[in-house]
Amino acid sequence: MFRRKLSALDYHNPGGFNCRDETEFRNFIVWLEDQKIRHYKIEDRGNLRNIHSDDWPKSFEKYMKDVNCPFKMQERQETVDWLLGLAVRLEYGDNADKYKDSTPDSAKSADNTAKNAEPLINLDVNNPDFKAGVMALANLLQIQRHDDYLVMLKAIRILVQERLTQDAIAKANQSKEGLPVALEKHILGFDTGDAVINEAAQILRLLHIEELRELQTKINEAIVAVQAIIADPKTDHRLGKVGR
């Protein structure tokens, strides 16, 4: 419940603090006043520091009134949370210059995520070495040339991810085991007058159908690859804009 505020205040045990433990609670109050809140002068903190005194509850009750805490002693969790909030505000006030330019971890994480999501955004597309490298890769992988070198690079990336990963290569190297086909179930549609030639024609037709299916698969893959390149709304490097 108090972990984040305790961590912000550099408390020694933010995850294990137990406000219901009387000794731990009293030590915590002394630490909070001595190190963070500092409402009393040092010489006026004696009663609050005397945590083993029977009069400590009275001293703490007076302290709560002095710092204008709106809760009662019996409302311990609410009291601790309020005092922590006060301490955080005072800590920020004492170190305003230190914290005013700080960036939240969530913002840093979001910024890093954006950079990782678009690794090409910081490339110098006008660098001759960059252009030469992209062109060499495109020629090696037989990728169609394009006026925008980043478009070619994205096409190279897609090809590498889909065809040249270890899993893709292993899959391509696997031998394809054909399934037995009952030729009598496939009607040829014409008769040559020779049973052997008819059977050969049936085999050629089935092979042609298989080639057409492979061609259709490659066409579908090409369409997906082109859409991934031209329909990406995240970055338009030629316009120098990010986003829509």
Protein backbone atom coordinates (compact mmCIF):
# COMPACT_ATOMS: atom_id res chain seq x y z
CA MET A 1 0.00 0.00 0.00
CA PHE A 2 2.83 2.41 0.85
CA ARG A 3 5.59 0.90 -1.25
CA ARG A 4 5.80 3.55 -3.97
CA LYS A 5 5.93 6.47 -1.58
CA LEU A 6 8.40 4.71 0.69
CA SER A 7 10.61 3.97 -2.31
CA ALA A 8 10.41 7.59 -3.42
CA LEU A 9 11.62 8.62 0.03
CA ASP A 10 14.46 6.05 0.03
CA TYR A 11 13.07 4.17 3.00
CA HIS A 12 15.32 1.22 3.85
CA ASN A 13 12.58 -1.44 3.65
CA PRO A 14 9.74 -0.21 1.41
CA GLY A 15 8.43 -3.68 0.62
CA GLY A 16 8.44 -5.02 4.17
CA PHE A 17 7.11 -2.08 6.17
CA ASN A 18 4.33 -3.10 8.57
CA CYS A 19 2.52 -0.20 10.15
CA ARG A 20 0.66 -2.55 12.51
CA ASP A 21 3.91 -3.47 14.26
CA GLU A 22 4.07 -0.93 17.09
CA THR A 23 7.86 -0.74 17.39
CA GLU A 24 8.36 -0.54 13.65
CA PHE A 25 5.63 2.09 13.37
CA ARG A 26 7.17 4.31 16.06
CA ASN A 27 10.65 4.01 14.55
CA PHE A 28 9.17 4.91 11.18
CA ILE A 29 7.53 8.06 12.56
CA VAL A 30 10.84 9.15 14.11
CA TRP A 31 12.66 8.51 10.83
CA LEU A 32 10.01 10.39 8.85
CA GLU A 33 10.24 13.47 11.09
CA ASP A 34 14.03 13.41 11.39
CA GLN A 35 14.81 12.82 7.73
CA LYS A 36 11.91 14.14 5.67
CA ILE A 37 9.25 16.26 7.34
CA ARG A 38 11.42 18.09 9.92
CA HIS A 39 8.48 20.02 11.34
CA TYR A 40 10.06 20.23 14.82
CA LYS A 41 13.42 21.72 15.64
CA ILE A 42 15.96 19.06 16.57
CA GLU A 43 15.82 19.94 20.25
CA ASP A 44 12.01 19.56 20.25
CA ARG A 45 11.98 16.00 18.92
CA GLY A 46 12.96 14.32 22.19
CA ASN A 47 9.48 13.12 23.19
CA LEU A 48 8.80 11.72 19.73
CA ARG A 49 12.16 9.93 19.67
CA ASN A 50 11.53 8.27 23.02
CA ILE A 51 9.61 5.38 21.44
CA HIS A 52 9.69 3.23 24.61
CA SER A 53 7.93 5.83 26.74
CA ASP A 54 4.40 5.20 27.91
CA ASP A 55 3.62 8.78 26.92
CA TRP A 56 4.68 8.27 23.29
CA PRO A 57 1.05 8.01 22.02
CA LYS A 58 0.35 11.43 23.51
CA SER A 59 3.48 12.85 21.91
CA PHE A 60 2.47 11.39 18.57
CA GLU A 61 -1.07 12.71 18.89
CA LYS A 62 0.33 16.20 19.53
CA TYR A 63 2.63 15.78 16.53
CA MET A 64 -0.35 14.92 14.31
CA LYS A 65 -2.12 18.08 15.40
CA ASP A 66 1.00 20.16 14.84
CA VAL A 67 1.36 18.97 11.24
CA ASN A 68 -2.42 19.35 10.70
CA CYS A 69 -3.04 15.66 10.00
CA PRO A 70 -6.82 15.23 9.48
CA PHE A 71 -6.93 11.64 10.76
CA LYS A 72 -7.09 10.14 14.23
CA MET A 73 -4.47 7.90 15.81
CA GLN A 74 -6.76 4.90 15.45
CA GLU A 75 -6.81 5.39 11.67
CA ARG A 76 -3.25 4.23 11.35
CA GLN A 77 -3.10 3.35 7.64
CA GLU A 78 -4.74 6.62 6.65
CA THR A 79 -2.39 8.52 8.94
CA VAL A 80 0.72 6.84 7.53
CA ASP A 81 -0.42 7.46 3.97
CA TRP A 82 -1.11 11.13 4.70
CA LEU A 83 2.26 11.64 6.41
CA LEU A 84 4.00 9.96 3.50
CA GLY A 85 2.23 12.28 1.10
CA LEU A 86 3.35 15.26 3.15
CA ALA A 87 6.92 13.96 3.20
CA VAL A 88 6.92 13.46 -0.59
CA ARG A 89 5.69 17.02 -1.14
CA LEU A 90 8.34 18.42 1.16
CA GLU A 91 11.03 16.25 -0.43
CA TYR A 92 10.11 17.58 -3.86
CA GLY A 93 10.11 21.16 -2.55
CA ASP A 94 13.60 20.72 -1.14
CA ASN A 95 14.90 19.22 -4.38
CA ALA A 96 12.78 20.96 -7.02
CA ASP A 97 15.75 21.66 -9.29
CA LYS A 98 16.74 18.00 -9.15
CA TYR A 99 13.33 16.64 -10.14
CA LYS A 100 11.87 19.28 -12.47
CA ASP A 101 13.70 18.00 -15.55
CA SER A 102 13.43 14.31 -14.72
CA THR A 103 11.57 12.01 -17.11
CA PRO A 104 9.18 9.36 -15.74
CA ASP A 105 10.28 5.77 -16.27
CA SER A 106 7.05 5.09 -18.17
CA ALA A 107 7.84 7.87 -20.63
CA LYS A 108 11.38 6.58 -21.11
CA SER A 109 10.04 3.09 -21.66
CA ALA A 110 7.50 4.33 -24.21
CA ASP A 111 10.19 6.26 -26.04
CA ASN A 112 12.47 3.22 -26.16
CA THR A 113 9.60 1.07 -27.35
CA ALA A 114 8.86 3.49 -30.19
CA LYS A 115 12.50 3.50 -31.23
CA ASN A 116 12.67 -0.28 -31.17
CA ALA A 117 9.45 -0.54 -33.15
CA GLU A 118 10.87 1.58 -35.98
CA PRO A 119 14.61 0.85 -36.17
CA LEU A 120 14.96 2.50 -39.61
CA ILE A 121 13.89 5.97 -38.49
CA ASN A 122 17.37 7.22 -37.58
CA LEU A 123 19.16 6.02 -40.71
CA ASP A 124 20.86 8.53 -43.00
CA VAL A 125 19.23 7.57 -46.29
CA ASN A 126 21.47 9.94 -48.24
CA ASN A 127 24.68 8.25 -47.14
CA PRO A 128 26.39 6.71 -50.21
CA ASP A 129 27.54 3.69 -48.18
CA PHE A 130 23.95 3.07 -47.09
CA LYS A 131 22.68 3.24 -50.68
CA ALA A 132 25.44 0.97 -51.95
CA GLY A 133 24.78 -1.59 -49.23
CA VAL A 134 21.02 -1.65 -49.87
CA MET A 135 21.57 -1.99 -53.61
CA ALA A 136 24.04 -4.85 -53.12
CA LEU A 137 21.59 -6.71 -50.89
CA ALA A 138 18.71 -6.11 -53.31
CA ASN A 139 20.77 -7.50 -56.20
CA LEU A 140 21.87 -10.49 -54.14
CA LEU A 141 18.32 -11.33 -53.07
CA GLN A 142 16.84 -10.46 -56.48
CA ILE A 143 14.54 -7.77 -55.10
CA GLN A 144 12.97 -5.25 -57.46
CA ARG A 145 14.69 -1.86 -57.40
CA HIS A 146 12.86 1.18 -56.04
CA ASP A 147 13.63 4.91 -55.98
CA ASP A 148 13.24 4.96 -52.18
CA TYR A 149 16.10 3.01 -50.60
CA LEU A 150 14.15 2.61 -47.34
CA VAL A 151 11.38 0.83 -49.24
CA MET A 152 13.97 -1.57 -50.65
CA LEU A 153 15.44 -2.08 -47.20
CA LYS A 154 12.02 -2.91 -45.76
CA ALA A 155 11.48 -5.41 -48.57
CA ILE A 156 14.85 -6.97 -47.74
CA ARG A 157 13.90 -7.18 -44.09
CA ILE A 158 10.60 -8.90 -44.89
CA LEU A 159 12.33 -11.40 -47.17
CA VAL A 160 14.97 -12.20 -44.57
CA GLN A 161 12.38 -12.61 -41.81
CA GLU A 162 10.18 -14.89 -43.89
CA ARG A 163 12.70 -16.88 -45.92
CA LEU A 164 16.16 -16.74 -44.35
CA THR A 165 15.57 -17.44 -40.67
CA GLN A 166 16.81 -20.75 -39.30
CA ASP A 167 13.27 -22.10 -39.03
CA ALA A 168 12.41 -21.07 -42.60
CA ILE A 169 15.59 -22.64 -43.99
CA ALA A 170 15.04 -25.86 -42.02
CA LYS A 171 11.48 -26.05 -43.28
CA ALA A 172 12.58 -25.48 -46.88
CA ASN A 173 15.18 -28.22 -46.60
CA GLN A 174 12.68 -30.79 -45.45
CA SER A 175 11.90 -33.32 -48.15
CA LYS A 176 8.32 -33.26 -49.30
CA GLU A 177 6.74 -36.67 -49.19
CA GLY A 178 4.09 -37.03 -51.83
CA LEU A 179 0.73 -38.62 -51.09
CA PRO A 180 -0.49 -41.54 -53.19
CA VAL A 181 -3.04 -40.46 -55.78
CA ALA A 182 -5.68 -42.69 -57.29
CA LEU A 183 -5.63 -41.66 -60.95
CA GLU A 184 -8.90 -43.42 -61.69
CA LYS A 185 -10.69 -40.88 -59.47
CA HIS A 186 -9.51 -37.97 -61.63
CA ILE A 187 -11.38 -37.60 -64.90
CA LEU A 188 -9.15 -36.54 -67.79
CA GLY A 189 -11.96 -35.08 -69.90
CA PHE A 190 -10.79 -36.55 -73.16
CA ASP A 191 -9.58 -39.90 -74.52
CA THR A 192 -6.42 -40.33 -76.60
CA GLY A 193 -7.26 -43.91 -77.43
CA ASP A 194 -4.20 -45.17 -75.54
CA ALA A 195 -4.44 -46.11 -71.87
CA VAL A 196 -0.77 -45.32 -71.19
CA ILE A 197 -1.02 -41.88 -72.79
CA ASN A 198 -4.25 -41.19 -70.90
CA GLU A 199 -2.49 -41.99 -67.62
CA ALA A 200 0.47 -39.79 -68.52
CA ALA A 201 -1.91 -36.93 -69.36
CA GLN A 202 -3.63 -37.31 -65.97
CA ILE A 203 -0.26 -37.10 -64.20
CA LEU A 204 0.73 -33.98 -66.17
CA ARG A 205 -2.58 -32.32 -65.31
CA LEU A 206 -2.14 -33.02 -61.59
CA LEU A 207 1.42 -31.66 -61.69
CA HIS A 208 0.19 -28.55 -63.47
CA ILE A 209 -2.49 -28.00 -60.80
CA GLU A 210 0.17 -28.31 -58.08
CA GLU A 211 2.34 -25.73 -59.87
CA LEU A 212 -0.62 -23.36 -60.11
CA ARG A 213 -1.23 -23.72 -56.37
CA GLU A 214 2.40 -22.91 -55.61
CA LEU A 215 2.22 -19.92 -57.94
CA GLN A 216 -0.91 -18.66 -56.19
CA THR A 217 0.82 -19.02 -52.82
CA LYS A 218 3.77 -16.95 -54.05
CA ILE A 219 1.41 -14.32 -55.45
CA ASN A 220 -0.35 -14.09 -52.09
CA GLU A 221 2.99 -13.72 -50.31
CA ALA A 222 4.02 -10.98 -52.73
CA ILE A 223 0.75 -9.11 -52.14
CA VAL A 224 1.23 -9.30 -48.36
CA ALA A 225 4.83 -8.09 -48.67
CA VAL A 226 3.84 -5.12 -50.86
CA GLN A 227 0.99 -4.19 -48.51
CA ALA A 228 3.36 -4.29 -45.55
CA ILE A 229 5.61 -1.80 -47.34
CA ILE A 230 3.18 0.67 -48.90
CA ALA A 231 0.41 0.54 -46.29
CA ASP A 232 2.60 1.15 -43.23
CA PRO A 233 1.17 4.35 -41.68
CA LYS A 234 3.81 4.74 -39.00
CA THR A 235 6.53 6.55 -40.86
CA ASP A 236 6.87 8.52 -44.06
CA HIS A 237 10.59 9.25 -44.26
CA ARG A 238 10.33 11.21 -47.48
CA LEU A 239 8.02 13.73 -45.81
CA GLY A 240 9.99 13.73 -42.59
CA LYS A 241 6.85 12.90 -40.65
CA VAL A 242 6.03 10.25 -38.08
CA GLY A 243 2.43 9.13 -37.76
CA ARG A 244 -0.60 9.84 -39.91
